[in-house]
Amino acid sequence: MQSPLKRLGNIAQNPAVAVVVDRYEEDWGQLGWVMLRGHAEILIDRREHDHAQALLRSRYPQLKRMQLPVIAVRIVSAMSWGNLSLAKSD
């Protein structure tokens, strides 16, 4: 029997989530980050769930036989700081 993922239990108890993406550079003038806050939802057997699984399986063939949980994060706010440009400045 497969044990459920801890994150699924965490989401069931408290769906508030945050995702942070950092930009790190040795030159600290280039540092930056983005924080997205929202609510997580475990998708089960719906069109959005099936579409997400199909995309994952098309990219990672080893997942074709696995039943994967799909977690959607519904973004309600975003914050950022620092240099988020794609090009490094000299």
Protein backbone atom coordinates (compact mmCIF):
# COMPACT_ATOMS: atom_id res chain seq x y z
CA MET A 1 0.00 0.00 0.00
CA GLN A 2 1.37 3.39 -0.99
CA SER A 3 1.36 6.05 1.70
CA PRO A 4 -0.13 9.41 0.73
CA LEU A 5 2.21 12.30 0.12
CA LYS A 6 2.61 14.53 3.16
CA ARG A 7 2.01 17.63 1.04
CA LEU A 8 -1.48 16.37 0.15
CA GLY A 9 -2.35 16.12 3.85
CA ASN A 10 -0.86 19.55 4.46
CA ILE A 11 -2.97 21.06 1.68
CA ALA A 12 -6.11 19.38 3.03
CA GLN A 13 -5.43 20.96 6.44
CA ASN A 14 -4.36 24.39 5.19
CA PRO A 15 -4.59 25.25 1.49
CA ALA A 16 -2.77 28.61 1.81
CA VAL A 17 0.52 28.32 -0.10
CA ALA A 18 3.40 30.47 -1.28
CA VAL A 19 5.87 29.84 -4.09
CA VAL A 20 9.14 31.76 -4.10
CA VAL A 21 11.54 31.89 -7.05
CA ASP A 22 14.94 33.47 -6.42
CA ARG A 23 17.38 34.93 -8.87
CA TYR A 24 20.85 34.53 -7.41
CA GLU A 25 24.01 36.04 -8.81
CA GLU A 26 27.46 36.56 -7.33
CA ASP A 27 26.90 40.25 -8.08
CA TRP A 28 24.35 41.11 -5.40
CA GLY A 29 23.11 44.01 -7.51
CA GLN A 30 21.53 41.34 -9.72
CA LEU A 31 19.57 39.58 -6.93
CA GLY A 32 15.80 39.34 -7.15
CA TRP A 33 12.82 37.23 -6.18
CA VAL A 34 9.16 36.70 -6.93
CA MET A 35 6.64 35.42 -4.37
CA LEU A 36 3.26 34.09 -5.44
CA ARG A 37 0.62 33.51 -2.76
CA GLY A 38 -2.53 31.55 -3.30
CA HIS A 39 -4.63 28.55 -2.44
CA ALA A 40 -3.73 24.99 -3.37
CA GLU A 41 -6.34 22.62 -4.70
CA ILE A 42 -5.88 18.90 -5.24
CA LEU A 43 -7.43 18.15 -8.62
CA ILE A 44 -9.21 14.83 -8.97
CA ASP A 45 -10.58 13.38 -12.20
CA ARG A 46 -11.61 16.53 -14.00
CA ARG A 47 -10.66 18.06 -17.29
CA GLU A 48 -7.92 20.21 -15.73
CA HIS A 49 -6.52 17.17 -13.88
CA ASP A 50 -6.54 15.00 -16.99
CA HIS A 51 -4.93 17.73 -19.11
CA ALA A 52 -2.12 18.26 -16.55
CA GLN A 53 -1.44 14.52 -16.38
CA ALA A 54 -1.36 14.27 -20.18
CA LEU A 55 1.18 17.10 -20.37
CA LEU A 56 3.41 15.48 -17.74
CA ARG A 57 3.22 12.07 -19.39
CA SER A 58 4.04 13.49 -22.81
CA ARG A 59 7.20 15.06 -21.40
CA TYR A 60 8.21 12.22 -19.05
CA PRO A 61 7.39 8.82 -20.57
CA GLN A 62 8.37 7.02 -17.34
CA LEU A 63 5.23 8.50 -15.72
CA LYS A 64 2.82 6.87 -18.19
CA ARG A 65 1.90 4.04 -15.80
CA MET A 66 1.71 6.15 -12.65
CA GLN A 67 -1.39 7.76 -11.18
CA LEU A 68 -0.14 11.21 -10.23
CA PRO A 69 -1.73 13.69 -7.86
CA VAL A 70 -2.20 17.08 -9.46
CA ILE A 71 -1.99 20.20 -7.33
CA ALA A 72 -3.23 23.50 -8.75
CA VAL A 73 -2.15 26.73 -7.13
CA ARG A 74 -4.72 29.49 -7.58
CA ILE A 75 -2.69 32.71 -7.36
CA VAL A 76 -4.27 35.58 -5.42
CA SER A 77 -1.27 37.90 -5.07
CA ALA A 78 2.27 38.41 -6.30
CA MET A 79 5.21 40.37 -4.91
CA SER A 80 8.69 40.90 -6.29
CA TRP A 81 11.93 42.59 -5.44
CA GLY A 82 15.20 43.28 -7.17
CA ASN A 83 16.47 42.70 -10.67
CA LEU A 84 14.16 40.37 -12.59
CA SER A 85 15.40 41.15 -16.09
CA LEU A 86 16.44 38.24 -18.28
CA ALA A 87 19.67 39.86 -19.42
CA LYS A 88 22.60 40.39 -17.10
CA SER A 89 23.67 43.99 -16.88
CA ASP A 90 27.42 44.64 -17.08
